[in-house]
Amino acid sequence: MPTMNVSLTKELMQLVQSKVASGMYNNASEFIREAIRNTDSNDKLLHELKLARLKEMLKPGLVEAREGVHADYDYEHLMRELDSRS
């Protein structure tokens, strides 16, 4: 298995040692590997939650679009309006 050296703060080193000492992990490498896997899973979950929120926010506009309700904007007008707000 490839290896990597990582520098940890004193607090992080104590956390790793505490987890290993608790018996939850056999060694520091096992804990770090699980922490990395959890970070990856959390990133994926956060992405899914953001995407779900975006879809929820878009629903009213999609309903209006299906019903033929729309705003009379063209691209240039929309860009000018956005520029004027910033």
PDB file of N, CA and C in Angstrom:
ATOM      1  N   MET A   1       0.858  -1.173   0.000  1.00  0.00           N
ATOM      2  CA  MET A   1       0.000   0.000   0.000  1.00  0.00           C
ATOM      3  C   MET A   1       0.905   1.237   0.000  1.00  0.00           C
ATOM      4  N   PRO A   2       0.605   2.227  -0.856  1.00  0.00           N
ATOM      5  CA  PRO A   2       1.405   3.452  -0.860  1.00  0.00           C
ATOM      6  C   PRO A   2       1.309   4.165   0.492  1.00  0.00           C
ATOM      7  N   THR A   3       2.333   4.900   0.831  1.00  0.00           N
ATOM      8  CA  THR A   3       2.334   5.642   2.094  1.00  0.00           C
ATOM      9  C   THR A   3       2.431   7.135   1.820  1.00  0.00           C
ATOM     10  N   MET A   4       2.043   7.914   2.833  1.00  0.00           N
ATOM     11  CA  MET A   4       2.097   9.370   2.747  1.00  0.00           C
ATOM     12  C   MET A   4       2.395   9.902   4.139  1.00  0.00           C
ATOM     13  N   ASN A   5       3.274  10.837   4.221  1.00  0.00           N
ATOM     14  CA  ASN A   5       3.562  11.494   5.500  1.00  0.00           C
ATOM     15  C   ASN A   5       2.701  12.743   5.599  1.00  0.00           C
ATOM     16  N   VAL A   6       2.069  12.926   6.739  1.00  0.00           N
ATOM     17  CA  VAL A   6       1.180  14.064   6.955  1.00  0.00           C
ATOM     18  C   VAL A   6       1.549  14.731   8.275  1.00  0.00           C
ATOM     19  N   SER A   7       1.638  16.048   8.270  1.00  0.00           N
ATOM     20  CA  SER A   7       1.900  16.792   9.503  1.00  0.00           C
ATOM     21  C   SER A   7       0.573  17.170  10.145  1.00  0.00           C
ATOM     22  N   LEU A   8       0.448  16.901  11.433  1.00  0.00           N
ATOM     23  CA  LEU A   8      -0.769  17.209  12.175  1.00  0.00           C
ATOM     24  C   LEU A   8      -0.464  18.200  13.290  1.00  0.00           C
ATOM     25  N   THR A   9      -1.477  18.993  13.612  1.00  0.00           N
ATOM     26  CA  THR A   9      -1.345  19.852  14.783  1.00  0.00           C
ATOM     27  C   THR A   9      -1.339  18.963  16.031  1.00  0.00           C
ATOM     28  N   LYS A  10      -0.928  19.522  17.118  1.00  0.00           N
ATOM     29  CA  LYS A  10      -0.911  18.780  18.386  1.00  0.00           C
ATOM     30  C   LYS A  10      -2.311  18.262  18.710  1.00  0.00           C
ATOM     31  N   GLU A  11      -3.308  19.103  18.498  1.00  0.00           N
ATOM     32  CA  GLU A  11      -4.690  18.735  18.813  1.00  0.00           C
ATOM     33  C   GLU A  11      -5.167  17.573  17.935  1.00  0.00           C
ATOM     34  N   LEU A  12      -4.833  17.623  16.645  1.00  0.00           N
ATOM     35  CA  LEU A  12      -5.251  16.535  15.758  1.00  0.00           C
ATOM     36  C   LEU A  12      -4.521  15.241  16.099  1.00  0.00           C
ATOM     37  N   MET A  13      -3.262  15.338  16.450  1.00  0.00           N
ATOM     38  CA  MET A  13      -2.498  14.153  16.842  1.00  0.00           C
ATOM     39  C   MET A  13      -3.116  13.532  18.094  1.00  0.00           C
ATOM     40  N   GLN A  14      -3.521  14.371  19.052  1.00  0.00           N
ATOM     41  CA  GLN A  14      -4.165  13.865  20.263  1.00  0.00           C
ATOM     42  C   GLN A  14      -5.494  13.190  19.932  1.00  0.00           C
ATOM     43  N   LEU A  15      -6.227  13.749  18.991  1.00  0.00           N
ATOM     44  CA  LEU A  15      -7.501  13.144  18.578  1.00  0.00           C
ATOM     45  C   LEU A  15      -7.259  11.762  17.978  1.00  0.00           C
ATOM     46  N   VAL A  16      -6.301  11.654  17.089  1.00  0.00           N
ATOM     47  CA  VAL A  16      -5.980  10.367  16.471  1.00  0.00           C
ATOM     48  C   VAL A  16      -5.567   9.369  17.548  1.00  0.00           C
ATOM     49  N   GLN A  17      -4.688   9.780  18.424  1.00  0.00           N
ATOM     50  CA  GLN A  17      -4.219   8.883  19.482  1.00  0.00           C
ATOM     51  C   GLN A  17      -5.360   8.464  20.399  1.00  0.00           C
ATOM     52  N   SER A  18      -6.264   9.387  20.670  1.00  0.00           N
ATOM     53  CA  SER A  18      -7.409   9.089  21.530  1.00  0.00           C
ATOM     54  C   SER A  18      -8.326   8.053  20.875  1.00  0.00           C
ATOM     55  N   LYS A  19      -8.552   8.196  19.597  1.00  0.00           N
ATOM     56  CA  LYS A  19      -9.411   7.241  18.882  1.00  0.00           C
ATOM     57  C   LYS A  19      -8.785   5.852  18.863  1.00  0.00           C
ATOM     58  N   VAL A  20      -7.490   5.791  18.638  1.00  0.00           N
ATOM     59  CA  VAL A  20      -6.795   4.500  18.638  1.00  0.00           C
ATOM     60  C   VAL A  20      -6.817   3.906  20.045  1.00  0.00           C
ATOM     61  N   ALA A  21      -6.548   4.737  21.056  1.00  0.00           N
ATOM     62  CA  ALA A  21      -6.523   4.264  22.445  1.00  0.00           C
ATOM     63  C   ALA A  21      -7.898   3.762  22.894  1.00  0.00           C
ATOM     64  N   SER A  22      -8.957   4.310  22.317  1.00  0.00           N
ATOM     65  CA  SER A  22     -10.308   3.889  22.703  1.00  0.00           C
ATOM     66  C   SER A  22     -10.635   2.483  22.226  1.00  0.00           C
ATOM     67  N   GLY A  23      -9.821   1.978  21.311  1.00  0.00           N
ATOM     68  CA  GLY A  23     -10.082   0.648  20.767  1.00  0.00           C
ATOM     69  C   GLY A  23     -10.977   0.666  19.538  1.00  0.00           C
ATOM     70  N   MET A  24     -11.444   1.850  19.168  1.00  0.00           N
ATOM     71  CA  MET A  24     -12.309   1.946  17.984  1.00  0.00           C
ATOM     72  C   MET A  24     -11.529   1.669  16.698  1.00  0.00           C
ATOM     73  N   TYR A  25     -10.233   1.913  16.723  1.00  0.00           N
ATOM     74  CA  TYR A  25      -9.360   1.721  15.564  1.00  0.00           C
ATOM     75  C   TYR A  25      -8.113   0.979  16.011  1.00  0.00           C
ATOM     76  N   ASN A  26      -7.586   0.163  15.117  1.00  0.00           N
ATOM     77  CA  ASN A  26      -6.374  -0.605  15.439  1.00  0.00           C
ATOM     78  C   ASN A  26      -5.123   0.248  15.404  1.00  0.00           C
ATOM     79  N   ASN A  27      -5.136   1.268  14.564  1.00  0.00           N
ATOM     80  CA  ASN A  27      -3.955   2.122  14.443  1.00  0.00           C
ATOM     81  C   ASN A  27      -4.351   3.459  13.812  1.00  0.00           C
ATOM     82  N   ALA A  28      -3.405   4.382  13.768  1.00  0.00           N
ATOM     83  CA  ALA A  28      -3.675   5.722  13.254  1.00  0.00           C
ATOM     84  C   ALA A  28      -4.061   5.682  11.777  1.00  0.00           C
ATOM     85  N   SER A  29      -3.415   4.830  11.011  1.00  0.00           N
ATOM     86  CA  SER A  29      -3.720   4.747   9.575  1.00  0.00           C
ATOM     87  C   SER A  29      -5.181   4.368   9.331  1.00  0.00           C
ATOM     88  N   GLU A  30      -5.666   3.424  10.120  1.00  0.00           N
ATOM     89  CA  GLU A  30      -7.059   2.991   9.978  1.00  0.00           C
ATOM     90  C   GLU A  30      -8.013   4.169  10.245  1.00  0.00           C
ATOM     91  N   PHE A  31      -7.724   4.919  11.293  1.00  0.00           N
ATOM     92  CA  PHE A  31      -8.574   6.077  11.618  1.00  0.00           C
ATOM     93  C   PHE A  31      -8.521   7.125  10.510  1.00  0.00           C
ATOM     94  N   ILE A  32      -7.321   7.436  10.015  1.00  0.00           N
ATOM     95  CA  ILE A  32      -7.172   8.453   8.972  1.00  0.00           C
ATOM     96  C   ILE A  32      -7.879   8.017   7.697  1.00  0.00           C
ATOM     97  N   ARG A  33      -7.745   6.739   7.320  1.00  0.00           N
ATOM     98  CA  ARG A  33      -8.436   6.248   6.117  1.00  0.00           C
ATOM     99  C   ARG A  33      -9.942   6.414   6.255  1.00  0.00           C
ATOM    100  N   GLU A  34     -10.484   6.073   7.430  1.00  0.00           N
ATOM    101  CA  GLU A  34     -11.928   6.232   7.624  1.00  0.00           C
ATOM    102  C   GLU A  34     -12.331   7.702   7.606  1.00  0.00           C
ATOM    103  N   ALA A  35     -11.509   8.554   8.189  1.00  0.00           N
ATOM    104  CA  ALA A  35     -11.811   9.994   8.186  1.00  0.00           C
ATOM    105  C   ALA A  35     -11.857  10.520   6.753  1.00  0.00           C
ATOM    106  N   ILE A  36     -10.949  10.067   5.918  1.00  0.00           N
ATOM    107  CA  ILE A  36     -10.936  10.504   4.515  1.00  0.00           C
ATOM    108  C   ILE A  36     -12.173   9.980   3.788  1.00  0.00           C
ATOM    109  N   ARG A  37     -12.514   8.724   4.010  1.00  0.00           N
ATOM    110  CA  ARG A  37     -13.731   8.168   3.376  1.00  0.00           C
ATOM    111  C   ARG A  37     -14.967   8.941   3.831  1.00  0.00           C
ATOM    112  N   ASN A  38     -15.033   9.268   5.125  1.00  0.00           N
ATOM    113  CA  ASN A  38     -16.177  10.021   5.639  1.00  0.00           C
ATOM    114  C   ASN A  38     -16.246  11.411   5.028  1.00  0.00           C
ATOM    115  N   THR A  39     -15.095  12.047   4.853  1.00  0.00           N
ATOM    116  CA  THR A  39     -15.061  13.368   4.225  1.00  0.00           C
ATOM    117  C   THR A  39     -15.605  13.292   2.809  1.00  0.00           C
ATOM    118  N   ASP A  40     -15.195  12.270   2.070  1.00  0.00           N
ATOM    119  CA  ASP A  40     -15.675  12.097   0.706  1.00  0.00           C
ATOM    120  C   ASP A  40     -17.185  11.864   0.687  1.00  0.00           C
ATOM    121  N   SER A  41     -17.672  11.025   1.590  1.00  0.00           N
ATOM    122  CA  SER A  41     -19.117  10.768   1.674  1.00  0.00           C
ATOM    123  C   SER A  41     -19.879  12.032   2.042  1.00  0.00           C
ATOM    124  N   ASN A  42     -19.330  12.805   2.977  1.00  0.00           N
ATOM    125  CA  ASN A  42     -19.982  14.052   3.381  1.00  0.00           C
ATOM    126  C   ASN A  42     -20.030  15.046   2.232  1.00  0.00           C
ATOM    127  N   ASP A  43     -18.946  15.116   1.453  1.00  0.00           N
ATOM    128  CA  ASP A  43     -18.927  16.011   0.290  1.00  0.00           C
ATOM    129  C   ASP A  43     -20.008  15.623  -0.712  1.00  0.00           C
ATOM    130  N   LYS A  44     -20.156  14.333  -0.948  1.00  0.00           N
ATOM    131  CA  LYS A  44     -21.179  13.850  -1.889  1.00  0.00           C
ATOM    132  C   LYS A  44     -22.578  14.158  -1.351  1.00  0.00           C
ATOM    133  N   LEU A  45     -22.781  13.939  -0.063  1.00  0.00           N
ATOM    134  CA  LEU A  45     -24.080  14.229   0.545  1.00  0.00           C
ATOM    135  C   LEU A  45     -24.392  15.710   0.473  1.00  0.00           C
ATOM    136  N   LEU A  46     -23.415  16.549   0.770  1.00  0.00           N
ATOM    137  CA  LEU A  46     -23.622  17.990   0.697  1.00  0.00           C
ATOM    138  C   LEU A  46     -23.986  18.408  -0.720  1.00  0.00           C
ATOM    139  N   HIS A  47     -23.310  17.839  -1.707  1.00  0.00           N
ATOM    140  CA  HIS A  47     -23.629  18.135  -3.106  1.00  0.00           C
ATOM    141  C   HIS A  47     -25.071  17.743  -3.422  1.00  0.00           C
ATOM    142  N   GLU A  48     -25.480  16.561  -2.978  1.00  0.00           N
ATOM    143  CA  GLU A  48     -26.849  16.099  -3.215  1.00  0.00           C
ATOM    144  C   GLU A  48     -27.860  17.018  -2.533  1.00  0.00           C
ATOM    145  N   LEU A  49     -27.569  17.466  -1.315  1.00  0.00           N
ATOM    146  CA  LEU A  49     -28.481  18.357  -0.599  1.00  0.00           C
ATOM    147  C   LEU A  49     -28.595  19.714  -1.297  1.00  0.00           C
ATOM    148  N   LYS A  50     -27.459  20.241  -1.768  1.00  0.00           N
ATOM    149  CA  LYS A  50     -27.486  21.512  -2.490  1.00  0.00           C
ATOM    150  C   LYS A  50     -28.274  21.379  -3.782  1.00  0.00           C
ATOM    151  N   LEU A  51     -28.081  20.273  -4.480  1.00  0.00           N
ATOM    152  CA  LEU A  51     -28.804  20.044  -5.722  1.00  0.00           C
ATOM    153  C   LEU A  51     -30.306  19.925  -5.466  1.00  0.00           C
ATOM    154  N   ALA A  52     -30.676  19.218  -4.414  1.00  0.00           N
ATOM    155  CA  ALA A  52     -32.093  19.090  -4.057  1.00  0.00           C
ATOM    156  C   ALA A  52     -32.689  20.449  -3.718  1.00  0.00           C
ATOM    157  N   ARG A  53     -31.939  21.269  -2.993  1.00  0.00           N
ATOM    158  CA  ARG A  53     -32.410  22.623  -2.636  1.00  0.00           C
ATOM    159  C   ARG A  53     -32.572  23.476  -3.880  1.00  0.00           C
ATOM    160  N   LEU A  54     -31.626  23.394  -4.796  1.00  0.00           N
ATOM    161  CA  LEU A  54     -31.721  24.148  -6.041  1.00  0.00           C
ATOM    162  C   LEU A  54     -32.950  23.727  -6.837  1.00  0.00           C
ATOM    163  N   LYS A  55     -33.188  22.427  -6.925  1.00  0.00           N
ATOM    164  CA  LYS A  55     -34.372  21.930  -7.640  1.00  0.00           C
ATOM    165  C   LYS A  55     -35.647  22.454  -6.989  1.00  0.00           C
ATOM    166  N   GLU A  56     -35.659  22.463  -5.650  1.00  0.00           N
ATOM    167  CA  GLU A  56     -36.830  22.968  -4.926  1.00  0.00           C
ATOM    168  C   GLU A  56     -37.051  24.449  -5.223  1.00  0.00           C
ATOM    169  N   MET A  57     -35.959  25.204  -5.274  1.00  0.00           N
ATOM    170  CA  MET A  57     -36.066  26.637  -5.548  1.00  0.00           C
ATOM    171  C   MET A  57     -36.531  26.901  -6.983  1.00  0.00           C
ATOM    172  N   LEU A  58     -36.213  25.993  -7.893  1.00  0.00           N
ATOM    173  CA  LEU A  58     -36.583  26.178  -9.297  1.00  0.00           C
ATOM    174  C   LEU A  58     -38.018  25.750  -9.603  1.00  0.00           C
ATOM    175  N   LYS A  59     -38.625  24.964  -8.720  1.00  0.00           N
ATOM    176  CA  LYS A  59     -39.975  24.441  -8.974  1.00  0.00           C
ATOM    177  C   LYS A  59     -40.987  25.514  -9.358  1.00  0.00           C
ATOM    178  N   PRO A  60     -41.088  26.620  -8.605  1.00  0.00           N
ATOM    179  CA  PRO A  60     -42.091  27.625  -8.978  1.00  0.00           C
ATOM    180  C   PRO A  60     -41.890  28.144 -10.405  1.00  0.00           C
ATOM    181  N   GLY A  61     -40.649  28.358 -10.793  1.00  0.00           N
ATOM    182  CA  GLY A  61     -40.376  28.837 -12.145  1.00  0.00           C
ATOM    183  C   GLY A  61     -40.725  27.810 -13.199  1.00  0.00           C
ATOM    184  N   LEU A  62     -40.488  26.547 -12.904  1.00  0.00           N
ATOM    185  CA  LEU A  62     -40.841  25.496 -13.852  1.00  0.00           C
ATOM    186  C   LEU A  62     -42.351  25.386 -14.018  1.00  0.00           C
ATOM    187  N   VAL A  63     -43.073  25.516 -12.907  1.00  0.00           N
ATOM    188  CA  VAL A  63     -44.545  25.484 -12.976  1.00  0.00           C
ATOM    189  C   VAL A  63     -45.035  26.647 -13.842  1.00  0.00           C
ATOM    190  N   GLU A  64     -44.505  27.833 -13.595  1.00  0.00           N
ATOM    191  CA  GLU A  64     -44.904  28.999 -14.399  1.00  0.00           C
ATOM    192  C   GLU A  64     -44.564  28.800 -15.870  1.00  0.00           C
ATOM    193  N   ALA A  65     -43.411  28.238 -16.140  1.00  0.00           N
ATOM    194  CA  ALA A  65     -43.010  28.008 -17.535  1.00  0.00           C
ATOM    195  C   ALA A  65     -43.953  27.024 -18.205  1.00  0.00           C
ATOM    196  N   ARG A  66     -44.340  25.988 -17.514  1.00  0.00           N
ATOM    197  CA  ARG A  66     -45.276  24.999 -18.081  1.00  0.00           C
ATOM    198  C   ARG A  66     -46.649  25.615 -18.330  1.00  0.00           C
ATOM    199  N   GLU A  67     -47.012  26.579 -17.494  1.00  0.00           N
ATOM    200  CA  GLU A  67     -48.310  27.238 -17.637  1.00  0.00           C
ATOM    201  C   GLU A  67     -48.257  28.404 -18.613  1.00  0.00           C
ATOM    202  N   GLY A  68     -47.099  28.638 -19.194  1.00  0.00           N
ATOM    203  CA  GLY A  68     -46.955  29.712 -20.171  1.00  0.00           C
ATOM    204  C   GLY A  68     -46.743  31.076 -19.555  1.00  0.00           C
ATOM    205  N   VAL A  69     -46.538  31.138 -18.257  1.00  0.00           N
ATOM    206  CA  VAL A  69     -46.263  32.399 -17.595  1.00  0.00           C
ATOM    207  C   VAL A  69     -44.772  32.659 -17.723  1.00  0.00           C
ATOM    208  N   HIS A  70     -44.424  33.811 -18.208  1.00  0.00           N
ATOM    209  CA  HIS A  70     -43.010  34.112 -18.367  1.00  0.00           C
ATOM    210  C   HIS A  70     -42.786  35.622 -18.304  1.00  0.00           C
ATOM    211  N   ALA A  71     -41.573  35.988 -18.053  1.00  0.00           N
ATOM    212  CA  ALA A  71     -41.189  37.399 -18.020  1.00  0.00           C
ATOM    213  C   ALA A  71     -40.688  37.788 -19.406  1.00  0.00           C
ATOM    214  N   ASP A  72     -40.909  39.028 -19.772  1.00  0.00           N
ATOM    215  CA  ASP A  72     -40.458  39.518 -21.065  1.00  0.00           C
ATOM    216  C   ASP A  72     -39.050  40.073 -20.951  1.00  0.00           C
ATOM    217  N   TYR A  73     -38.081  39.192 -20.882  1.00  0.00           N
ATOM    218  CA  TYR A  73     -36.685  39.583 -20.810  1.00  0.00           C
ATOM    219  C   TYR A  73     -35.943  38.983 -21.986  1.00  0.00           C
ATOM    220  N   ASP A  74     -35.033  39.755 -22.492  1.00  0.00           N
ATOM    221  CA  ASP A  74     -34.074  39.152 -23.403  1.00  0.00           C
ATOM    222  C   ASP A  74     -32.727  39.124 -22.689  1.00  0.00           C
ATOM    223  N   TYR A  75     -31.781  38.429 -23.229  1.00  0.00           N
ATOM    224  CA  TYR A  75     -30.499  38.216 -22.581  1.00  0.00           C
ATOM    225  C   TYR A  75     -29.808  39.531 -22.238  1.00  0.00           C
ATOM    226  N   GLU A  76     -29.731  40.441 -23.196  1.00  0.00           N
ATOM    227  CA  GLU A  76     -29.034  41.705 -22.962  1.00  0.00           C
ATOM    228  C   GLU A  76     -29.698  42.499 -21.836  1.00  0.00           C
ATOM    229  N   HIS A  77     -31.032  42.541 -21.831  1.00  0.00           N
ATOM    230  CA  HIS A  77     -31.760  43.258 -20.780  1.00  0.00           C
ATOM    231  C   HIS A  77     -31.482  42.627 -19.419  1.00  0.00           C
ATOM    232  N   LEU A  78     -31.484  41.306 -19.365  1.00  0.00           N
ATOM    233  CA  LEU A  78     -31.217  40.614 -18.115  1.00  0.00           C
ATOM    234  C   LEU A  78     -29.806  40.912 -17.618  1.00  0.00           C
ATOM    235  N   MET A  79     -28.823  40.897 -18.513  1.00  0.00           N
ATOM    236  CA  MET A  79     -27.443  41.185 -18.124  1.00  0.00           C
ATOM    237  C   MET A  79     -27.297  42.628 -17.626  1.00  0.00           C
ATOM    238  N   ARG A  80     -27.963  43.576 -18.282  1.00  0.00           N
ATOM    239  CA  ARG A  80     -27.916  44.972 -17.818  1.00  0.00           C
ATOM    240  C   ARG A  80     -28.526  45.093 -16.433  1.00  0.00           C
ATOM    241  N   GLU A  81     -29.625  44.397 -16.206  1.00  0.00           N
ATOM    242  CA  GLU A  81     -30.288  44.449 -14.897  1.00  0.00           C
ATOM    243  C   GLU A  81     -29.385  43.844 -13.828  1.00  0.00           C
ATOM    244  N   LEU A  82     -28.758  42.743 -14.130  1.00  0.00           N
ATOM    245  CA  LEU A  82     -27.852  42.116 -13.162  1.00  0.00           C
ATOM    246  C   LEU A  82     -26.646  43.011 -12.889  1.00  0.00           C
ATOM    247  N   ASP A  83     -26.107  43.636 -13.928  1.00  0.00           N
ATOM    248  CA  ASP A  83     -24.977  44.548 -13.753  1.00  0.00           C
ATOM    249  C   ASP A  83     -25.357  45.738 -12.888  1.00  0.00           C
ATOM    250  N   SER A  84     -26.566  46.231 -13.054  1.00  0.00           N
ATOM    251  CA  SER A  84     -26.988  47.410 -12.284  1.00  0.00           C
ATOM    252  C   SER A  84     -27.175  47.075 -10.797  1.00  0.00           C
ATOM    253  N   ARG A  85     -27.403  45.805 -10.488  1.00  0.00           N
ATOM    254  CA  ARG A  85     -27.569  45.398  -9.095  1.00  0.00           C
ATOM    255  C   ARG A  85     -26.246  45.183  -8.386  1.00  0.00           C
ATOM    256  N   SER A  86     -25.177  45.013  -9.144  1.00  0.00           N
ATOM    257  CA  SER A  86     -23.890  44.719  -8.497  1.00  0.00           C
ATOM    258  C   SER A  86     -22.986  45.899  -8.424  1.00  0.00           C
TER     259      SER A  86
END
